[in-house]
Protein backbone atom coordinates (compact mmCIF):
# COMPACT_ATOMS: atom_id res chain seq x y z
CA UNK A 1 0.00 0.00 0.00
CA UNK A 2 1.26 3.46 -0.91
CA UNK A 3 1.51 5.77 2.15
CA UNK A 4 1.65 8.89 0.00
CA UNK A 5 -0.67 11.63 1.29
CA UNK A 6 -3.26 13.04 -1.07
CA UNK A 7 -5.68 15.91 -0.75
CA UNK A 8 -9.16 15.72 -2.27
CA UNK A 9 -10.42 18.98 -3.78
CA UNK A 10 -14.12 19.27 -4.64
CA UNK A 11 -15.48 22.13 -6.72
CA UNK A 12 -19.10 23.30 -6.66
CA UNK A 13 -21.07 25.69 -8.83
CA UNK A 14 -23.70 28.06 -7.48
CA UNK A 15 -27.15 27.34 -8.88
CA UNK A 16 -30.39 29.03 -7.92
CA UNK A 17 -30.28 29.20 -4.09
CA UNK A 18 -28.13 26.07 -3.90
CA UNK A 19 -24.85 24.48 -4.95
CA UNK A 20 -24.15 21.71 -7.43
CA UNK A 21 -21.12 19.41 -7.55
CA UNK A 22 -18.93 20.08 -10.60
CA UNK A 23 -15.53 18.42 -10.29
CA UNK A 24 -13.24 16.38 -8.02
CA UNK A 25 -9.47 16.07 -8.20
CA UNK A 26 -6.73 14.60 -6.04
CA UNK A 27 -3.39 16.30 -5.39
CA UNK A 28 -0.22 15.17 -3.65
CA UNK A 29 -0.05 16.56 -0.13
CA UNK A 30 2.34 16.94 2.78
CA UNK A 31 -0.24 18.13 5.32
CA UNK A 32 -1.90 15.70 7.72
CA UNK A 33 -4.39 16.88 10.32
CA UNK A 34 -3.30 14.03 12.62
CA UNK A 35 0.17 15.65 12.78
CA UNK A 36 -1.28 18.90 14.15
CA UNK A 37 -0.88 19.59 17.88
CA UNK A 38 -4.40 21.05 18.21
CA UNK A 39 -5.87 17.87 16.70
CA UNK A 40 -3.94 15.55 19.02
CA UNK A 41 -4.93 17.69 22.02
CA UNK A 42 -8.61 17.63 21.02
CA UNK A 43 -8.60 13.80 20.90
CA UNK A 44 -7.33 13.64 24.49
CA UNK A 45 -9.86 16.11 25.89
CA UNK A 46 -13.29 15.24 27.21
CA UNK A 47 -15.01 18.38 25.88
CA UNK A 48 -14.74 20.43 22.67
CA UNK A 49 -12.44 23.45 22.86
CA UNK A 50 -11.36 26.43 20.78
CA UNK A 51 -7.87 26.22 19.22
CA UNK A 52 -5.66 28.68 17.38
CA UNK A 53 -4.83 27.10 14.03
CA UNK A 54 -2.37 28.41 11.42
CA UNK A 55 -1.19 25.41 9.36
CA UNK A 56 -3.44 24.37 6.48
CA UNK A 57 -2.99 22.22 3.36
CA UNK A 58 -2.71 25.38 1.23
CA UNK A 59 -0.28 27.19 3.55
CA UNK A 60 -0.24 29.34 6.66
CA UNK A 61 -3.39 31.25 7.61
CA UNK A 62 -4.66 32.60 10.90
CA UNK A 63 -7.76 30.85 12.09
CA UNK A 64 -9.53 29.27 15.02
CA UNK A 65 -11.16 25.86 15.24
CA UNK A 66 -13.72 24.38 17.59
CA UNK A 67 -12.81 20.72 17.96
CA UNK A 68 -13.34 17.84 20.32
CA UNK A 69 -13.41 14.08 20.44
CA UNK A 70 -16.08 11.98 18.77
CA UNK A 71 -16.62 8.42 19.94
CA UNK A 72 -18.31 5.89 17.64
CA UNK A 73 -19.03 2.39 18.94
CA UNK A 74 -16.93 3.17 22.05
CA UNK A 75 -13.90 4.00 19.88
CA UNK A 76 -12.42 7.48 19.55
PDB file of N, CA and C in Angstrom:
ATOM      1  N   UNK A   1       0.836  -1.198   0.000  1.00  0.00           N
ATOM      2  CA  UNK A   1       0.000   0.000   0.000  1.00  0.00           C
ATOM      3  C   UNK A   1       0.876   1.254   0.000  1.00  0.00           C
ATOM      4  N   UNK A   2       0.520   2.212  -0.791  1.00  0.00           N
ATOM      5  CA  UNK A   2       1.258   3.461  -0.905  1.00  0.00           C
ATOM      6  C   UNK A   2       0.841   4.400   0.230  1.00  0.00           C
ATOM      7  N   UNK A   3       1.807   4.875   1.027  1.00  0.00           N
ATOM      8  CA  UNK A   3       1.511   5.768   2.151  1.00  0.00           C
ATOM      9  C   UNK A   3       1.574   7.239   1.764  1.00  0.00           C
ATOM     10  N   UNK A   4       1.590   7.524   0.483  1.00  0.00           N
ATOM     11  CA  UNK A   4       1.653   8.891  -0.005  1.00  0.00           C
ATOM     12  C   UNK A   4       0.364   9.631   0.347  1.00  0.00           C
ATOM     13  N   UNK A   5       0.502  10.828   0.930  1.00  0.00           N
ATOM     14  CA  UNK A   5      -0.667  11.630   1.285  1.00  0.00           C
ATOM     15  C   UNK A   5      -1.254  12.288   0.049  1.00  0.00           C
ATOM     16  N   UNK A   6      -2.578  12.323  -0.002  1.00  0.00           N
ATOM     17  CA  UNK A   6      -3.263  13.037  -1.071  1.00  0.00           C
ATOM     18  C   UNK A   6      -4.368  13.895  -0.480  1.00  0.00           C
ATOM     19  N   UNK A   7      -4.620  14.992  -1.143  1.00  0.00           N
ATOM     20  CA  UNK A   7      -5.680  15.907  -0.753  1.00  0.00           C
ATOM     21  C   UNK A   7      -6.775  15.846  -1.802  1.00  0.00           C
ATOM     22  N   UNK A   8      -8.026  15.716  -1.352  1.00  0.00           N
ATOM     23  CA  UNK A   8      -9.163  15.724  -2.273  1.00  0.00           C
ATOM     24  C   UNK A   8      -9.712  17.142  -2.358  1.00  0.00           C
ATOM     25  N   UNK A   9      -9.894  17.639  -3.560  1.00  0.00           N
ATOM     26  CA  UNK A   9     -10.422  18.985  -3.785  1.00  0.00           C
ATOM     27  C   UNK A   9     -11.716  18.853  -4.575  1.00  0.00           C
ATOM     28  N   UNK A  10     -12.819  19.274  -3.968  1.00  0.00           N
ATOM     29  CA  UNK A  10     -14.121  19.267  -4.637  1.00  0.00           C
ATOM     30  C   UNK A  10     -14.484  20.684  -5.042  1.00  0.00           C
ATOM     31  N   UNK A  11     -15.034  20.826  -6.239  1.00  0.00           N
ATOM     32  CA  UNK A  11     -15.482  22.131  -6.719  1.00  0.00           C
ATOM     33  C   UNK A  11     -16.996  22.089  -6.925  1.00  0.00           C
ATOM     34  N   UNK A  12     -17.654  23.190  -6.541  1.00  0.00           N
ATOM     35  CA  UNK A  12     -19.100  23.303  -6.657  1.00  0.00           C
ATOM     36  C   UNK A  12     -19.448  24.567  -7.421  1.00  0.00           C
ATOM     37  N   UNK A  13     -20.561  24.542  -8.090  1.00  0.00           N
ATOM     38  CA  UNK A  13     -21.071  25.689  -8.830  1.00  0.00           C
ATOM     39  C   UNK A  13     -22.338  26.178  -8.136  1.00  0.00           C
ATOM     40  N   UNK A  14     -22.461  27.495  -8.026  1.00  0.00           N
ATOM     41  CA  UNK A  14     -23.702  28.063  -7.476  1.00  0.00           C
ATOM     42  C   UNK A  14     -24.820  27.923  -8.503  1.00  0.00           C
ATOM     43  N   UNK A  15     -25.936  27.385  -8.069  1.00  0.00           N
ATOM     44  CA  UNK A  15     -27.147  27.342  -8.876  1.00  0.00           C
ATOM     45  C   UNK A  15     -28.238  27.983  -8.042  1.00  0.00           C
ATOM     46  N   UNK A  16     -29.344  28.286  -8.596  1.00  0.00           N
ATOM     47  CA  UNK A  16     -30.395  29.032  -7.920  1.00  0.00           C
ATOM     48  C   UNK A  16     -30.589  28.581  -6.470  1.00  0.00           C
ATOM     49  N   UNK A  17     -30.125  29.414  -5.531  1.00  0.00           N
ATOM     50  CA  UNK A  17     -30.277  29.205  -4.087  1.00  0.00           C
ATOM     51  C   UNK A  17     -29.697  27.879  -3.596  1.00  0.00           C
ATOM     52  N   UNK A  18     -28.703  27.347  -4.294  1.00  0.00           N
ATOM     53  CA  UNK A  18     -28.131  26.069  -3.896  1.00  0.00           C
ATOM     54  C   UNK A  18     -26.744  25.927  -4.524  1.00  0.00           C
ATOM     55  N   UNK A  19     -26.113  24.800  -4.300  1.00  0.00           N
ATOM     56  CA  UNK A  19     -24.850  24.484  -4.947  1.00  0.00           C
ATOM     57  C   UNK A  19     -24.976  23.143  -5.655  1.00  0.00           C
ATOM     58  N   UNK A  20     -24.131  22.943  -6.646  1.00  0.00           N
ATOM     59  CA  UNK A  20     -24.147  21.709  -7.433  1.00  0.00           C
ATOM     60  C   UNK A  20     -22.710  21.239  -7.636  1.00  0.00           C
ATOM     61  N   UNK A  21     -22.444  19.976  -7.367  1.00  0.00           N
ATOM     62  CA  UNK A  21     -21.116  19.411  -7.548  1.00  0.00           C
ATOM     63  C   UNK A  21     -20.690  19.510  -9.009  1.00  0.00           C
ATOM     64  N   UNK A  22     -19.445  19.923  -9.239  1.00  0.00           N
ATOM     65  CA  UNK A  22     -18.929  20.079 -10.598  1.00  0.00           C
ATOM     66  C   UNK A  22     -17.740  19.172 -10.891  1.00  0.00           C
ATOM     67  N   UNK A  23     -16.779  19.098  -9.969  1.00  0.00           N
ATOM     68  CA  UNK A  23     -15.532  18.418 -10.291  1.00  0.00           C
ATOM     69  C   UNK A  23     -14.839  17.951  -9.013  1.00  0.00           C
ATOM     70  N   UNK A  24     -14.060  16.881  -9.126  1.00  0.00           N
ATOM     71  CA  UNK A  24     -13.239  16.382  -8.021  1.00  0.00           C
ATOM     72  C   UNK A  24     -11.864  16.036  -8.574  1.00  0.00           C
ATOM     73  N   UNK A  25     -10.822  16.432  -7.822  1.00  0.00           N
ATOM     74  CA  UNK A  25      -9.467  16.067  -8.203  1.00  0.00           C
ATOM     75  C   UNK A  25      -8.679  15.715  -6.935  1.00  0.00           C
ATOM     76  N   UNK A  26      -7.609  14.982  -7.134  1.00  0.00           N
ATOM     77  CA  UNK A  26      -6.725  14.604  -6.044  1.00  0.00           C
ATOM     78  C   UNK A  26      -5.343  15.177  -6.324  1.00  0.00           C
ATOM     79  N   UNK A  27      -4.709  15.707  -5.264  1.00  0.00           N
ATOM     80  CA  UNK A  27      -3.386  16.305  -5.387  1.00  0.00           C
ATOM     81  C   UNK A  27      -2.468  15.689  -4.336  1.00  0.00           C
ATOM     82  N   UNK A  28      -1.192  15.597  -4.652  1.00  0.00           N
ATOM     83  CA  UNK A  28      -0.222  15.169  -3.651  1.00  0.00           C
ATOM     84  C   UNK A  28      -0.221  16.175  -2.510  1.00  0.00           C
ATOM     85  N   UNK A  29       0.001  15.687  -1.297  1.00  0.00           N
ATOM     86  CA  UNK A  29      -0.049  16.563  -0.132  1.00  0.00           C
ATOM     87  C   UNK A  29       1.055  16.205   0.853  1.00  0.00           C
ATOM     88  N   UNK A  30       1.409  17.171   1.679  1.00  0.00           N
ATOM     89  CA  UNK A  30       2.344  16.943   2.775  1.00  0.00           C
ATOM     90  C   UNK A  30       1.664  17.191   4.110  1.00  0.00           C
ATOM     91  N   UNK A  31       0.496  17.783   4.098  1.00  0.00           N
ATOM     92  CA  UNK A  31      -0.244  18.134   5.317  1.00  0.00           C
ATOM     93  C   UNK A  31      -1.080  16.952   5.790  1.00  0.00           C
ATOM     94  N   UNK A  32      -1.039  16.700   7.096  1.00  0.00           N
ATOM     95  CA  UNK A  32      -1.904  15.700   7.718  1.00  0.00           C
ATOM     96  C   UNK A  32      -2.467  16.293   8.997  1.00  0.00           C
ATOM     97  N   UNK A  33      -3.771  16.309   9.122  1.00  0.00           N
ATOM     98  CA  UNK A  33      -4.389  16.883  10.320  1.00  0.00           C
ATOM     99  C   UNK A  33      -3.967  16.116  11.564  1.00  0.00           C
ATOM    100  N   UNK A  34      -3.702  14.815  11.446  1.00  0.00           N
ATOM    101  CA  UNK A  34      -3.300  14.033  12.616  1.00  0.00           C
ATOM    102  C   UNK A  34      -1.910  14.417  13.120  1.00  0.00           C
ATOM    103  N   UNK A  35      -1.141  15.157  12.340  1.00  0.00           N
ATOM    104  CA  UNK A  35       0.168  15.654  12.781  1.00  0.00           C
ATOM    105  C   UNK A  35       0.068  16.990  13.524  1.00  0.00           C
ATOM    106  N   UNK A  36      -1.103  17.582  13.553  1.00  0.00           N
ATOM    107  CA  UNK A  36      -1.280  18.903  14.154  1.00  0.00           C
ATOM    108  C   UNK A  36      -1.501  18.789  15.663  1.00  0.00           C
ATOM    109  N   UNK A  37      -0.794  19.629  16.415  1.00  0.00           N
ATOM    110  CA  UNK A  37      -0.878  19.593  17.883  1.00  0.00           C
ATOM    111  C   UNK A  37      -2.311  19.821  18.375  1.00  0.00           C
ATOM    112  N   UNK A  38      -3.032  20.783  17.763  1.00  0.00           N
ATOM    113  CA  UNK A  38      -4.397  21.055  18.209  1.00  0.00           C
ATOM    114  C   UNK A  38      -5.283  19.827  18.026  1.00  0.00           C
ATOM    115  N   UNK A  39      -5.077  19.063  16.960  1.00  0.00           N
ATOM    116  CA  UNK A  39      -5.873  17.870  16.699  1.00  0.00           C
ATOM    117  C   UNK A  39      -5.581  16.796  17.743  1.00  0.00           C
ATOM    118  N   UNK A  40      -4.306  16.555  18.024  1.00  0.00           N
ATOM    119  CA  UNK A  40      -3.940  15.551  19.023  1.00  0.00           C
ATOM    120  C   UNK A  40      -4.483  15.930  20.396  1.00  0.00           C
ATOM    121  N   UNK A  41      -4.409  17.210  20.734  1.00  0.00           N
ATOM    122  CA  UNK A  41      -4.930  17.686  22.018  1.00  0.00           C
ATOM    123  C   UNK A  41      -6.451  17.490  22.095  1.00  0.00           C
ATOM    124  N   UNK A  42      -7.151  17.764  20.998  1.00  0.00           N
ATOM    125  CA  UNK A  42      -8.613  17.627  21.015  1.00  0.00           C
ATOM    126  C   UNK A  42      -9.040  16.173  21.215  1.00  0.00           C
ATOM    127  N   UNK A  43      -8.272  15.219  20.711  1.00  0.00           N
ATOM    128  CA  UNK A  43      -8.599  13.799  20.904  1.00  0.00           C
ATOM    129  C   UNK A  43      -8.474  13.373  22.362  1.00  0.00           C
ATOM    130  N   UNK A  44      -7.561  14.002  23.088  1.00  0.00           N
ATOM    131  CA  UNK A  44      -7.331  13.640  24.493  1.00  0.00           C
ATOM    132  C   UNK A  44      -8.315  14.314  25.442  1.00  0.00           C
ATOM    133  N   UNK A  45      -8.965  15.361  25.012  1.00  0.00           N
ATOM    134  CA  UNK A  45      -9.861  16.113  25.888  1.00  0.00           C
ATOM    135  C   UNK A  45     -11.225  15.422  26.000  1.00  0.00           C
ATOM    136  N   UNK A  46     -11.951  15.796  27.007  1.00  0.00           N
ATOM    137  CA  UNK A  46     -13.293  15.245  27.215  1.00  0.00           C
ATOM    138  C   UNK A  46     -14.379  16.141  26.633  1.00  0.00           C
ATOM    139  N   UNK A  47     -14.050  17.409  26.393  1.00  0.00           N
ATOM    140  CA  UNK A  47     -15.007  18.383  25.882  1.00  0.00           C
ATOM    141  C   UNK A  47     -14.414  19.123  24.684  1.00  0.00           C
ATOM    142  N   UNK A  48     -15.246  19.594  23.772  1.00  0.00           N
ATOM    143  CA  UNK A  48     -14.739  20.427  22.667  1.00  0.00           C
ATOM    144  C   UNK A  48     -14.118  21.714  23.202  1.00  0.00           C
ATOM    145  N   UNK A  49     -13.141  22.225  22.482  1.00  0.00           N
ATOM    146  CA  UNK A  49     -12.440  23.448  22.865  1.00  0.00           C
ATOM    147  C   UNK A  49     -12.137  24.276  21.627  1.00  0.00           C
ATOM    148  N   UNK A  50     -11.822  25.557  21.855  1.00  0.00           N
ATOM    149  CA  UNK A  50     -11.359  26.429  20.785  1.00  0.00           C
ATOM    150  C   UNK A  50      -9.841  26.314  20.691  1.00  0.00           C
ATOM    151  N   UNK A  51      -9.310  26.302  19.461  1.00  0.00           N
ATOM    152  CA  UNK A  51      -7.872  26.216  19.225  1.00  0.00           C
ATOM    153  C   UNK A  51      -7.455  27.259  18.204  1.00  0.00           C
ATOM    154  N   UNK A  52      -6.267  27.843  18.403  1.00  0.00           N
ATOM    155  CA  UNK A  52      -5.656  28.685  17.378  1.00  0.00           C
ATOM    156  C   UNK A  52      -5.023  27.752  16.361  1.00  0.00           C
ATOM    157  N   UNK A  53      -5.325  27.961  15.097  1.00  0.00           N
ATOM    158  CA  UNK A  53      -4.825  27.104  14.025  1.00  0.00           C
ATOM    159  C   UNK A  53      -4.181  27.997  12.969  1.00  0.00           C
ATOM    160  N   UNK A  54      -3.004  27.606  12.477  1.00  0.00           N
ATOM    161  CA  UNK A  54      -2.373  28.406  11.422  1.00  0.00           C
ATOM    162  C   UNK A  54      -1.904  27.558  10.247  1.00  0.00           C
ATOM    163  N   UNK A  55      -1.666  26.266  10.454  1.00  0.00           N
ATOM    164  CA  UNK A  55      -1.188  25.411   9.361  1.00  0.00           C
ATOM    165  C   UNK A  55      -2.367  24.762   8.641  1.00  0.00           C
ATOM    166  N   UNK A  56      -2.388  24.932   7.319  1.00  0.00           N
ATOM    167  CA  UNK A  56      -3.436  24.367   6.482  1.00  0.00           C
ATOM    168  C   UNK A  56      -2.807  23.719   5.257  1.00  0.00           C
ATOM    169  N   UNK A  57      -3.543  22.867   4.561  1.00  0.00           N
ATOM    170  CA  UNK A  57      -2.990  22.222   3.360  1.00  0.00           C
ATOM    171  C   UNK A  57      -2.501  23.205   2.304  1.00  0.00           C
ATOM    172  N   UNK A  58      -3.089  24.397   2.253  1.00  0.00           N
ATOM    173  CA  UNK A  58      -2.706  25.376   1.227  1.00  0.00           C
ATOM    174  C   UNK A  58      -1.725  26.421   1.752  1.00  0.00           C
ATOM    175  N   UNK A  59      -1.254  26.257   2.986  1.00  0.00           N
ATOM    176  CA  UNK A  59      -0.283  27.189   3.549  1.00  0.00           C
ATOM    177  C   UNK A  59      -0.719  27.728   4.895  1.00  0.00           C
ATOM    178  N   UNK A  60       0.019  28.733   5.361  1.00  0.00           N
ATOM    179  CA  UNK A  60      -0.242  29.340   6.664  1.00  0.00           C
ATOM    180  C   UNK A  60      -1.356  30.382   6.570  1.00  0.00           C
ATOM    181  N   UNK A  61      -2.300  30.279   7.495  1.00  0.00           N
ATOM    182  CA  UNK A  61      -3.393  31.250   7.608  1.00  0.00           C
ATOM    183  C   UNK A  61      -3.821  31.305   9.062  1.00  0.00           C
ATOM    184  N   UNK A  62      -4.156  32.480   9.535  1.00  0.00           N
ATOM    185  CA  UNK A  62      -4.659  32.604  10.904  1.00  0.00           C
ATOM    186  C   UNK A  62      -6.108  32.156  10.955  1.00  0.00           C
ATOM    187  N   UNK A  63      -6.402  31.355  11.971  1.00  0.00           N
ATOM    188  CA  UNK A  63      -7.761  30.853  12.090  1.00  0.00           C
ATOM    189  C   UNK A  63      -7.973  30.309  13.495  1.00  0.00           C
ATOM    190  N   UNK A  64      -9.214  29.986  13.798  1.00  0.00           N
ATOM    191  CA  UNK A  64      -9.530  29.269  15.023  1.00  0.00           C
ATOM    192  C   UNK A  64     -10.396  28.077  14.645  1.00  0.00           C
ATOM    193  N   UNK A  65     -10.353  27.057  15.477  1.00  0.00           N
ATOM    194  CA  UNK A  65     -11.156  25.856  15.235  1.00  0.00           C
ATOM    195  C   UNK A  65     -11.814  25.442  16.546  1.00  0.00           C
ATOM    196  N   UNK A  66     -13.006  24.941  16.447  1.00  0.00           N
ATOM    197  CA  UNK A  66     -13.718  24.385  17.589  1.00  0.00           C
ATOM    198  C   UNK A  66     -13.720  22.881  17.372  1.00  0.00           C
ATOM    199  N   UNK A  67     -12.977  22.155  18.186  1.00  0.00           N
ATOM    200  CA  UNK A  67     -12.807  20.722  17.956  1.00  0.00           C
ATOM    201  C   UNK A  67     -12.862  19.952  19.265  1.00  0.00           C
ATOM    202  N   UNK A  68     -13.293  18.724  19.157  1.00  0.00           N
ATOM    203  CA  UNK A  68     -13.340  17.841  20.315  1.00  0.00           C
ATOM    204  C   UNK A  68     -13.465  16.409  19.857  1.00  0.00           C
ATOM    205  N   UNK A  69     -13.375  15.499  20.797  1.00  0.00           N
ATOM    206  CA  UNK A  69     -13.411  14.076  20.442  1.00  0.00           C
ATOM    207  C   UNK A  69     -14.801  13.621  20.030  1.00  0.00           C
ATOM    208  N   UNK A  70     -14.839  12.635  19.150  1.00  0.00           N
ATOM    209  CA  UNK A  70     -16.082  11.980  18.772  1.00  0.00           C
ATOM    210  C   UNK A  70     -15.858  10.479  18.933  1.00  0.00           C
ATOM    211  N   UNK A  71     -16.706   9.863  19.722  1.00  0.00           N
ATOM    212  CA  UNK A  71     -16.618   8.422  19.937  1.00  0.00           C
ATOM    213  C   UNK A  71     -17.727   7.727  19.167  1.00  0.00           C
ATOM    214  N   UNK A  72     -17.353   6.690  18.395  1.00  0.00           N
ATOM    215  CA  UNK A  72     -18.312   5.894  17.638  1.00  0.00           C
ATOM    216  C   UNK A  72     -18.081   4.435  18.019  1.00  0.00           C
ATOM    217  N   UNK A  73     -19.128   3.780  18.498  1.00  0.00           N
ATOM    218  CA  UNK A  73     -19.029   2.391  18.945  1.00  0.00           C
ATOM    219  C   UNK A  73     -17.922   2.242  19.985  1.00  0.00           C
ATOM    220  N   UNK A  74     -17.899   3.146  20.951  1.00  0.00           N
ATOM    221  CA  UNK A  74     -16.930   3.170  22.050  1.00  0.00           C
ATOM    222  C   UNK A  74     -15.484   3.293  21.593  1.00  0.00           C
ATOM    223  N   UNK A  75     -15.263   3.811  20.390  1.00  0.00           N
ATOM    224  CA  UNK A  75     -13.902   4.002  19.881  1.00  0.00           C
ATOM    225  C   UNK A  75     -13.742   5.437  19.433  1.00  0.00           C
ATOM    226  N   UNK A  76     -12.675   6.092  19.894  1.00  0.00           N
ATOM    227  CA  UNK A  76     -12.418   7.480  19.549  1.00  0.00           C
ATOM    228  C   UNK A  76     -11.774   7.569  18.184  1.00  0.00           C
TER     229      UNK A  76
END
